[in-house]
PDB file of N, CA and C in Angstrom:
ATOM      1  N   MET A   1      26.446  16.288  29.185  1.00  0.00           N
ATOM      2  CA  MET A   1      27.953  15.479  28.870  1.00  0.00           C
ATOM      3  C   MET A   1      28.547  15.229  30.083  1.00  0.00           C
ATOM      4  N   THR A   2      29.376  14.074  29.924  1.00  0.00           N
ATOM      5  CA  THR A   2      29.857  13.156  31.015  1.00  0.00           C
ATOM      6  C   THR A   2      30.995  13.926  31.817  1.00  0.00           C
ATOM      7  N   THR A   3      30.443  14.088  32.937  1.00  0.00           N
ATOM      8  CA  THR A   3      31.402  14.421  33.908  1.00  0.00           C
ATOM      9  C   THR A   3      32.690  13.774  34.561  1.00  0.00           C
ATOM     10  N   GLN A   4      33.931  13.950  34.510  1.00  0.00           N
ATOM     11  CA  GLN A   4      34.597  13.286  35.454  1.00  0.00           C
ATOM     12  C   GLN A   4      34.143  12.483  36.609  1.00  0.00           C
ATOM     13  N   GLN A   5      33.631  13.320  37.412  1.00  0.00           N
ATOM     14  CA  GLN A   5      33.037  12.770  38.643  1.00  0.00           C
ATOM     15  C   GLN A   5      32.218  11.188  38.410  1.00  0.00           C
ATOM     16  N   GLN A   6      31.293  11.484  37.305  1.00  0.00           N
ATOM     17  CA  GLN A   6      30.266  10.139  36.654  1.00  0.00           C
ATOM     18  C   GLN A   6      31.315   9.024  36.434  1.00  0.00           C
ATOM     19  N   VAL A   7      32.529   9.237  35.484  1.00  0.00           N
ATOM     20  CA  VAL A   7      33.371   8.410  35.524  1.00  0.00           C
ATOM     21  C   VAL A   7      34.171   7.866  36.523  1.00  0.00           C
ATOM     22  N   ILE A   8      34.649   8.818  37.652  1.00  0.00           N
ATOM     23  CA  ILE A   8      34.927   8.085  38.675  1.00  0.00           C
ATOM     24  C   ILE A   8      34.130   7.195  39.537  1.00  0.00           C
ATOM     25  N   GLU A   9      32.734   7.312  39.747  1.00  0.00           N
ATOM     26  CA  GLU A   9      31.863   6.696  40.338  1.00  0.00           C
ATOM     27  C   GLU A   9      31.694   5.379  39.747  1.00  0.00           C
ATOM     28  N   LYS A  10      31.560   5.325  38.341  1.00  0.00           N
ATOM     29  CA  LYS A  10      31.615   4.144  37.575  1.00  0.00           C
ATOM     30  C   LYS A  10      32.794   3.212  37.834  1.00  0.00           C
ATOM     31  N   LEU A  11      34.156   3.696  38.044  1.00  0.00           N
ATOM     32  CA  LEU A  11      35.498   3.251  38.050  1.00  0.00           C
ATOM     33  C   LEU A  11      34.883   2.412  39.399  1.00  0.00           C
ATOM     34  N   LYS A  12      34.492   3.284  40.425  1.00  0.00           N
ATOM     35  CA  LYS A  12      34.582   2.852  41.964  1.00  0.00           C
ATOM     36  C   LYS A  12      33.922   1.517  42.377  1.00  0.00           C
ATOM     37  N   LYS A  13      33.180   0.816  40.964  1.00  0.00           N
ATOM     38  CA  LYS A  13      32.270  -0.148  40.933  1.00  0.00           C
ATOM     39  C   LYS A  13      33.270  -1.404  40.289  1.00  0.00           C
ATOM     40  N   VAL A  14      34.340  -1.115  39.878  1.00  0.00           N
ATOM     41  CA  VAL A  14      35.332  -2.059  39.191  1.00  0.00           C
ATOM     42  C   VAL A  14      36.388  -2.611  39.875  1.00  0.00           C
ATOM     43  N   GLN A  15      35.692  -4.029  40.539  1.00  0.00           N
ATOM     44  CA  GLN A  15      36.690  -4.745  41.547  1.00  0.00           C
ATOM     45  C   GLN A  15      37.755  -5.580  41.230  1.00  0.00           C
ATOM     46  N   ASP A  16      38.715  -5.404  41.961  1.00  0.00           N
ATOM     47  CA  ASP A  16      39.876  -6.113  41.470  1.00  0.00           C
ATOM     48  C   ASP A  16      39.621  -7.393  42.382  1.00  0.00           C
ATOM     49  N   PRO A  17      39.708  -8.857  41.649  1.00  0.00           N
ATOM     50  CA  PRO A  17      38.730  -9.924  42.369  1.00  0.00           C
ATOM     51  C   PRO A  17      40.005 -10.458  43.390  1.00  0.00           C
ATOM     52  N   GLU A  18      41.697 -10.223  43.318  1.00  0.00           N
ATOM     53  CA  GLU A  18      42.485 -10.802  44.006  1.00  0.00           C
ATOM     54  C   GLU A  18      42.174  -9.948  45.319  1.00  0.00           C
ATOM     55  N   LEU A  19      42.184  -8.547  45.288  1.00  0.00           N
ATOM     56  CA  LEU A  19      42.317  -7.694  46.276  1.00  0.00           C
ATOM     57  C   LEU A  19      41.142  -7.315  47.084  1.00  0.00           C
ATOM     58  N   GLY A  20      39.810  -7.110  46.050  1.00  0.00           N
ATOM     59  CA  GLY A  20      38.704  -6.987  46.904  1.00  0.00           C
ATOM     60  C   GLY A  20      38.216  -5.276  46.835  1.00  0.00           C
ATOM     61  N   LEU A  21      39.059  -4.810  46.171  1.00  0.00           N
ATOM     62  CA  LEU A  21      38.855  -3.300  46.364  1.00  0.00           C
ATOM     63  C   LEU A  21      38.998  -2.852  44.992  1.00  0.00           C
ATOM     64  N   ASP A  22      38.534  -1.859  44.599  1.00  0.00           N
ATOM     65  CA  ASP A  22      38.081  -1.219  43.058  1.00  0.00           C
ATOM     66  C   ASP A  22      39.288  -0.289  42.612  1.00  0.00           C
ATOM     67  N   VAL A  23      39.246  -0.517  41.291  1.00  0.00           N
ATOM     68  CA  VAL A  23      40.577   0.114  40.718  1.00  0.00           C
ATOM     69  C   VAL A  23      40.640   1.850  41.015  1.00  0.00           C
ATOM     70  N   TRP A  24      39.676   2.122  41.422  1.00  0.00           N
ATOM     71  CA  TRP A  24      39.887   3.814  41.864  1.00  0.00           C
ATOM     72  C   TRP A  24      40.827   3.669  43.226  1.00  0.00           C
ATOM     73  N   THR A  25      39.916   3.161  44.471  1.00  0.00           N
ATOM     74  CA  THR A  25      40.692   3.225  45.360  1.00  0.00           C
ATOM     75  C   THR A  25      42.129   2.684  45.481  1.00  0.00           C
ATOM     76  N   LEU A  26      42.248   1.596  44.969  1.00  0.00           N
ATOM     77  CA  LEU A  26      43.676   0.903  44.457  1.00  0.00           C
ATOM     78  C   LEU A  26      44.525   2.058  43.797  1.00  0.00           C
ATOM     79  N   GLY A  27      44.576   3.011  43.279  1.00  0.00           N
ATOM     80  CA  GLY A  27      45.012   4.251  42.603  1.00  0.00           C
ATOM     81  C   GLY A  27      45.655   3.635  41.386  1.00  0.00           C
ATOM     82  N   LEU A  28      44.794   2.882  40.462  1.00  0.00           N
ATOM     83  CA  LEU A  28      45.256   1.808  39.443  1.00  0.00           C
ATOM     84  C   LEU A  28      44.868   3.023  38.216  1.00  0.00           C
ATOM     85  N   ILE A  29      44.060   3.861  38.515  1.00  0.00           N
ATOM     86  CA  ILE A  29      43.665   5.053  37.286  1.00  0.00           C
ATOM     87  C   ILE A  29      44.579   6.234  37.642  1.00  0.00           C
ATOM     88  N   TYR A  30      45.189   6.424  36.073  1.00  0.00           N
ATOM     89  CA  TYR A  30      46.700   7.493  36.301  1.00  0.00           C
ATOM     90  C   TYR A  30      45.566   8.733  35.828  1.00  0.00           C
ATOM     91  N   THR A  31      44.824   8.669  34.562  1.00  0.00           N
ATOM     92  CA  THR A  31      44.218  10.126  33.780  1.00  0.00           C
ATOM     93  C   THR A  31      42.935   9.646  33.388  1.00  0.00           C
ATOM     94  N   ILE A  32      42.073  10.793  33.316  1.00  0.00           N
ATOM     95  CA  ILE A  32      40.764  10.593  32.862  1.00  0.00           C
ATOM     96  C   ILE A  32      40.833  11.199  31.841  1.00  0.00           C
ATOM     97  N   THR A  33      40.401  11.278  30.537  1.00  0.00           N
ATOM     98  CA  THR A  33      40.673  12.490  29.661  1.00  0.00           C
ATOM     99  C   THR A  33      39.071  12.299  28.706  1.00  0.00           C
ATOM    100  N   LEU A  34      38.263  13.360  28.885  1.00  0.00           N
ATOM    101  CA  LEU A  34      37.003  13.121  28.104  1.00  0.00           C
ATOM    102  C   LEU A  34      37.142  14.049  26.912  1.00  0.00           C
ATOM    103  N   GLU A  35      36.671  13.778  25.964  1.00  0.00           N
ATOM    104  CA  GLU A  35      36.720  14.394  24.671  1.00  0.00           C
ATOM    105  C   GLU A  35      35.500  13.840  24.060  1.00  0.00           C
ATOM    106  N   LYS A  36      34.232  15.091  24.170  1.00  0.00           N
ATOM    107  CA  LYS A  36      33.094  14.546  23.677  1.00  0.00           C
ATOM    108  C   LYS A  36      31.807  13.696  24.169  1.00  0.00           C
ATOM    109  N   THR A  37      32.359  12.276  23.397  1.00  0.00           N
ATOM    110  CA  THR A  37      31.395  11.114  23.333  1.00  0.00           C
ATOM    111  C   THR A  37      32.456  10.105  23.596  1.00  0.00           C
ATOM    112  N   LYS A  38      33.792   9.890  23.989  1.00  0.00           N
ATOM    113  CA  LYS A  38      34.724   9.274  23.984  1.00  0.00           C
ATOM    114  C   LYS A  38      35.555   9.785  25.518  1.00  0.00           C
ATOM    115  N   VAL A  39      35.744   8.842  26.447  1.00  0.00           N
ATOM    116  CA  VAL A  39      36.642   8.770  27.251  1.00  0.00           C
ATOM    117  C   VAL A  39      37.633   7.799  27.320  1.00  0.00           C
ATOM    118  N   LEU A  40      38.471   8.406  27.566  1.00  0.00           N
ATOM    119  CA  LEU A  40      40.125   7.747  27.484  1.00  0.00           C
ATOM    120  C   LEU A  40      40.545   7.590  28.602  1.00  0.00           C
ATOM    121  N   ILE A  41      40.956   6.288  29.196  1.00  0.00           N
ATOM    122  CA  ILE A  41      41.574   6.079  30.512  1.00  0.00           C
ATOM    123  C   ILE A  41      42.855   5.499  30.582  1.00  0.00           C
ATOM    124  N   LYS A  42      44.146   6.106  31.144  1.00  0.00           N
ATOM    125  CA  LYS A  42      45.030   5.599  31.102  1.00  0.00           C
ATOM    126  C   LYS A  42      45.172   5.307  32.544  1.00  0.00           C
ATOM    127  N   MET A  43      45.386   3.436  32.659  1.00  0.00           N
ATOM    128  CA  MET A  43      45.496   2.997  34.005  1.00  0.00           C
ATOM    129  C   MET A  43      46.468   2.092  34.012  1.00  0.00           C
ATOM    130  N   THR A  44      46.690   1.468  35.028  1.00  0.00           N
ATOM    131  CA  THR A  44      48.026   0.361  35.365  1.00  0.00           C
ATOM    132  C   THR A  44      47.424  -0.789  36.219  1.00  0.00           C
ATOM    133  N   LEU A  45      47.893  -2.120  36.313  1.00  0.00           N
ATOM    134  CA  LEU A  45      47.422  -2.907  36.818  1.00  0.00           C
ATOM    135  C   LEU A  45      48.379  -3.385  38.029  1.00  0.00           C
ATOM    136  N   THR A  46      47.880  -4.081  38.963  1.00  0.00           N
ATOM    137  CA  THR A  46      48.724  -4.172  40.167  1.00  0.00           C
ATOM    138  C   THR A  46      49.922  -5.417  39.872  1.00  0.00           C
ATOM    139  N   SER A  47      50.223  -5.706  38.971  1.00  0.00           N
ATOM    140  CA  SER A  47      51.125  -6.523  38.148  1.00  0.00           C
ATOM    141  C   SER A  47      51.259  -6.556  36.302  1.00  0.00           C
ATOM    142  N   PRO A  48      52.419  -6.677  35.695  1.00  0.00           N
ATOM    143  CA  PRO A  48      52.335  -7.121  34.308  1.00  0.00           C
ATOM    144  C   PRO A  48      51.683  -8.317  34.617  1.00  0.00           C
ATOM    145  N   MET A  49      51.598  -9.257  35.047  1.00  0.00           N
ATOM    146  CA  MET A  49      51.240 -10.755  34.828  1.00  0.00           C
ATOM    147  C   MET A  49      49.852 -10.752  35.852  1.00  0.00           C
ATOM    148  N   CYS A  50      48.999 -10.034  35.730  1.00  0.00           N
ATOM    149  CA  CYS A  50      47.846 -10.016  36.507  1.00  0.00           C
ATOM    150  C   CYS A  50      46.802 -10.856  36.046  1.00  0.00           C
ATOM    151  N   PRO A  51      46.457 -11.910  36.074  1.00  0.00           N
ATOM    152  CA  PRO A  51      45.393 -13.068  35.693  1.00  0.00           C
ATOM    153  C   PRO A  51      44.381 -12.075  35.379  1.00  0.00           C
ATOM    154  N   TYR A  52      43.667 -11.106  35.990  1.00  0.00           N
ATOM    155  CA  TYR A  52      42.900 -10.728  35.893  1.00  0.00           C
ATOM    156  C   TYR A  52      42.531  -9.442  34.883  1.00  0.00           C
ATOM    157  N   GLY A  53      43.489  -9.169  34.642  1.00  0.00           N
ATOM    158  CA  GLY A  53      43.826  -8.025  33.612  1.00  0.00           C
ATOM    159  C   GLY A  53      42.799  -7.967  32.507  1.00  0.00           C
ATOM    160  N   PRO A  54      42.325  -8.825  31.267  1.00  0.00           N
ATOM    161  CA  PRO A  54      41.723  -8.566  30.545  1.00  0.00           C
ATOM    162  C   PRO A  54      40.206  -8.526  30.965  1.00  0.00           C
ATOM    163  N   MET A  55      39.793  -8.820  32.184  1.00  0.00           N
ATOM    164  CA  MET A  55      38.870  -9.032  32.964  1.00  0.00           C
ATOM    165  C   MET A  55      38.348  -7.598  33.648  1.00  0.00           C
ATOM    166  N   ILE A  56      39.474  -7.068  34.068  1.00  0.00           N
ATOM    167  CA  ILE A  56      39.392  -5.778  34.864  1.00  0.00           C
ATOM    168  C   ILE A  56      39.283  -4.780  33.580  1.00  0.00           C
ATOM    169  N   ILE A  57      39.865  -4.915  32.625  1.00  0.00           N
ATOM    170  CA  ILE A  57      39.697  -3.425  31.719  1.00  0.00           C
ATOM    171  C   ILE A  57      38.586  -3.639  30.836  1.00  0.00           C
ATOM    172  N   ALA A  58      38.080  -4.977  30.586  1.00  0.00           N
ATOM    173  CA  ALA A  58      36.829  -5.031  29.696  1.00  0.00           C
ATOM    174  C   ALA A  58      35.303  -4.384  30.795  1.00  0.00           C
ATOM    175  N   ASP A  59      35.588  -4.833  32.143  1.00  0.00           N
ATOM    176  CA  ASP A  59      34.718  -4.174  33.069  1.00  0.00           C
ATOM    177  C   ASP A  59      34.942  -2.364  33.248  1.00  0.00           C
ATOM    178  N   VAL A  60      35.969  -2.231  33.178  1.00  0.00           N
ATOM    179  CA  VAL A  60      36.219  -0.670  32.920  1.00  0.00           C
ATOM    180  C   VAL A  60      35.174   0.041  31.804  1.00  0.00           C
ATOM    181  N   GLN A  61      35.311  -0.269  30.737  1.00  0.00           N
ATOM    182  CA  GLN A  61      34.976  -0.468  29.487  1.00  0.00           C
ATOM    183  C   GLN A  61      33.689  -0.508  29.689  1.00  0.00           C
ATOM    184  N   HIS A  62      33.102  -1.438  29.486  1.00  0.00           N
ATOM    185  CA  HIS A  62      31.508  -1.719  29.940  1.00  0.00           C
ATOM    186  C   HIS A  62      30.917  -0.942  30.964  1.00  0.00           C
ATOM    187  N   ARG A  63      31.217  -0.504  32.182  1.00  0.00           N
ATOM    188  CA  ARG A  63      30.796   0.377  32.944  1.00  0.00           C
ATOM    189  C   ARG A  63      30.810   1.893  32.611  1.00  0.00           C
ATOM    190  N   ILE A  64      31.928   2.316  31.910  1.00  0.00           N
ATOM    191  CA  ILE A  64      31.882   3.820  31.713  1.00  0.00           C
ATOM    192  C   ILE A  64      30.751   3.982  30.282  1.00  0.00           C
ATOM    193  N   GLN A  65      30.976   2.794  29.328  1.00  0.00           N
ATOM    194  CA  GLN A  65      29.843   2.878  28.344  1.00  0.00           C
ATOM    195  C   GLN A  65      28.454   3.100  28.685  1.00  0.00           C
ATOM    196  N   GLU A  66      28.092   2.755  29.966  1.00  0.00           N
ATOM    197  CA  GLU A  66      26.631   2.566  30.564  1.00  0.00           C
ATOM    198  C   GLU A  66      26.409   4.381  30.806  1.00  0.00           C
ATOM    199  N   LEU A  67      27.593   5.033  31.014  1.00  0.00           N
ATOM    200  CA  LEU A  67      27.000   6.443  30.645  1.00  0.00           C
ATOM    201  C   LEU A  67      26.446   7.118  29.884  1.00  0.00           C
ATOM    202  N   LYS A  68      25.449   7.842  29.920  1.00  0.00           N
ATOM    203  CA  LYS A  68      24.893   8.607  28.852  1.00  0.00           C
ATOM    204  C   LYS A  68      25.776   9.682  27.976  1.00  0.00           C
ATOM    205  N   GLY A  69      25.566   9.281  26.676  1.00  0.00           N
ATOM    206  CA  GLY A  69      26.559  10.049  25.842  1.00  0.00           C
ATOM    207  C   GLY A  69      27.966   9.476  25.551  1.00  0.00           C
ATOM    208  N   VAL A  70      27.992   8.487  26.367  1.00  0.00           N
ATOM    209  CA  VAL A  70      29.795   7.727  26.151  1.00  0.00           C
ATOM    210  C   VAL A  70      29.071   7.044  24.707  1.00  0.00           C
ATOM    211  N   LYS A  71      30.264   7.246  23.492  1.00  0.00           N
ATOM    212  CA  LYS A  71      29.841   6.164  22.620  1.00  0.00           C
ATOM    213  C   LYS A  71      31.228   5.092  22.634  1.00  0.00           C
ATOM    214  N   GLU A  72      32.317   6.090  22.741  1.00  0.00           N
ATOM    215  CA  GLU A  72      33.727   5.220  22.777  1.00  0.00           C
ATOM    216  C   GLU A  72      34.218   5.429  24.082  1.00  0.00           C
ATOM    217  N   VAL A  73      34.964   4.005  24.737  1.00  0.00           N
ATOM    218  CA  VAL A  73      36.013   3.964  26.017  1.00  0.00           C
ATOM    219  C   VAL A  73      37.100   3.441  25.371  1.00  0.00           C
ATOM    220  N   LYS A  74      38.267   3.989  25.610  1.00  0.00           N
ATOM    221  CA  LYS A  74      39.593   3.776  25.219  1.00  0.00           C
ATOM    222  C   LYS A  74      40.710   3.688  26.410  1.00  0.00           C
ATOM    223  N   VAL A  75      40.816   2.201  26.846  1.00  0.00           N
ATOM    224  CA  VAL A  75      41.474   2.030  27.804  1.00  0.00           C
ATOM    225  C   VAL A  75      43.308   1.698  27.350  1.00  0.00           C
ATOM    226  N   ASP A  76      44.161   3.001  28.343  1.00  0.00           N
ATOM    227  CA  ASP A  76      45.399   2.570  27.691  1.00  0.00           C
ATOM    228  C   ASP A  76      46.355   1.830  28.934  1.00  0.00           C
ATOM    229  N   ILE A  77      46.475   0.862  28.712  1.00  0.00           N
ATOM    230  CA  ILE A  77      47.221   0.203  30.191  1.00  0.00           C
ATOM    231  C   ILE A  77      48.924   0.951  29.819  1.00  0.00           C
ATOM    232  N   THR A  78      49.642   1.202  30.914  1.00  0.00           N
ATOM    233  CA  THR A  78      50.928   1.455  31.021  1.00  0.00           C
ATOM    234  C   THR A  78      51.325   0.775  32.282  1.00  0.00           C
ATOM    235  N   PHE A  79      52.974   0.503  32.790  1.00  0.00           N
ATOM    236  CA  PHE A  79      53.254   0.033  33.526  1.00  0.00           C
ATOM    237  C   PHE A  79      54.526   1.041  34.324  1.00  0.00           C
ATOM    238  N   ASN A  80      54.479   2.073  33.641  1.00  0.00           N
ATOM    239  CA  ASN A  80      55.502   3.281  33.887  1.00  0.00           C
ATOM    240  C   ASN A  80      54.704   4.344  34.433  1.00  0.00           C
ATOM    241  N   PRO A  81      54.650   4.745  35.706  1.00  0.00           N
ATOM    242  CA  PRO A  81      55.109   4.178  36.452  1.00  0.00           C
ATOM    243  C   PRO A  81      54.901   2.979  37.194  1.00  0.00           C
ATOM    244  N   PRO A  82      55.487   2.046  37.716  1.00  0.00           N
ATOM    245  CA  PRO A  82      54.677   0.821  38.130  1.00  0.00           C
ATOM    246  C   PRO A  82      53.688   0.842  39.638  1.00  0.00           C
ATOM    247  N   TRP A  83      52.796   0.339  39.161  1.00  0.00           N
ATOM    248  CA  TRP A  83      51.637   0.383  40.699  1.00  0.00           C
ATOM    249  C   TRP A  83      52.606   0.041  41.917  1.00  0.00           C
ATOM    250  N   LYS A  84      52.300   1.183  43.071  1.00  0.00           N
ATOM    251  CA  LYS A  84      52.727   0.996  44.007  1.00  0.00           C
ATOM    252  C   LYS A  84      51.652   1.537  45.347  1.00  0.00           C
ATOM    253  N   PRO A  85      51.132   0.451  46.105  1.00  0.00           N
ATOM    254  CA  PRO A  85      49.729   0.830  46.980  1.00  0.00           C
ATOM    255  C   PRO A  85      50.497   2.141  47.698  1.00  0.00           C
ATOM    256  N   THR A  86      49.533   3.061  48.053  1.00  0.00           N
ATOM    257  CA  THR A  86      49.710   4.205  48.814  1.00  0.00           C
ATOM    258  C   THR A  86      49.444   3.454  50.270  1.00  0.00           C
ATOM    259  N   ASP A  87      50.103   4.347  51.362  1.00  0.00           N
ATOM    260  CA  ASP A  87      49.863   3.687  52.933  1.00  0.00           C
ATOM    261  C   ASP A  87      48.470   3.208  53.081  1.00  0.00           C
ATOM    262  N   GLU A  88      47.788   4.101  52.933  1.00  0.00           N
ATOM    263  CA  GLU A  88      45.773   3.803  52.816  1.00  0.00           C
ATOM    264  C   GLU A  88      45.574   2.353  52.481  1.00  0.00           C
ATOM    265  N   VAL A  89      46.282   2.226  51.428  1.00  0.00           N
ATOM    266  CA  VAL A  89      45.426   1.063  50.348  1.00  0.00           C
ATOM    267  C   VAL A  89      46.360  -0.110  51.335  1.00  0.00           C
ATOM    268  N   ARG A  90      47.545   0.162  51.446  1.00  0.00           N
ATOM    269  CA  ARG A  90      48.347  -0.854  52.603  1.00  0.00           C
ATOM    270  C   ARG A  90      47.551  -1.370  53.589  1.00  0.00           C
ATOM    271  N   GLU A  91      46.925  -0.347  54.212  1.00  0.00           N
ATOM    272  CA  GLU A  91      46.549  -0.775  55.480  1.00  0.00           C
ATOM    273  C   GLU A  91      44.901  -1.369  54.881  1.00  0.00           C
ATOM    274  N   LEU A  92      44.279  -0.684  53.834  1.00  0.00           N
ATOM    275  CA  LEU A  92      43.229  -1.085  53.681  1.00  0.00           C
ATOM    276  C   LEU A  92      43.008  -2.850  53.420  1.00  0.00           C
ATOM    277  N   LEU A  93      44.529  -2.975  53.037  1.00  0.00           N
ATOM    278  CA  LEU A  93      44.553  -4.656  52.483  1.00  0.00           C
ATOM    279  C   LEU A  93      45.202  -5.132  53.720  1.00  0.00           C
ATOM    280  N   GLY A  94      45.497  -4.865  55.041  1.00  0.00           N
ATOM    281  CA  GLY A  94      46.012  -5.446  55.901  1.00  0.00           C
ATOM    282  C   GLY A  94      47.408  -5.762  55.629  1.00  0.00           C
ATOM    283  N   VAL A  95      48.128  -4.949  54.882  1.00  0.00           N
ATOM    284  CA  VAL A  95      49.577  -5.244  54.821  1.00  0.00           C
ATOM    285  C   VAL A  95      50.656  -4.122  55.423  1.00  0.00           C
TER     286      VAL A  95
END
């Protein structure tokens, strides 16, 4: 059975092309729910108008589906709460 840590490792490979950091480090992933062969991801994007949103979502789905035993990946996008970078992420971004 797929573990949460395995999913996190896959999410660390999904890059936001504008910021150059992965979605996990950026804090865009709110929840990971594992249900037998299904993985549910609740996440946000850096902004509602993110031009790379569809590409990022597709990459999340593709990478998680690479995990053995995963048959379905559902990504739920929310902007509540809106994304706010942590101090650590702001430092990584040089802001």
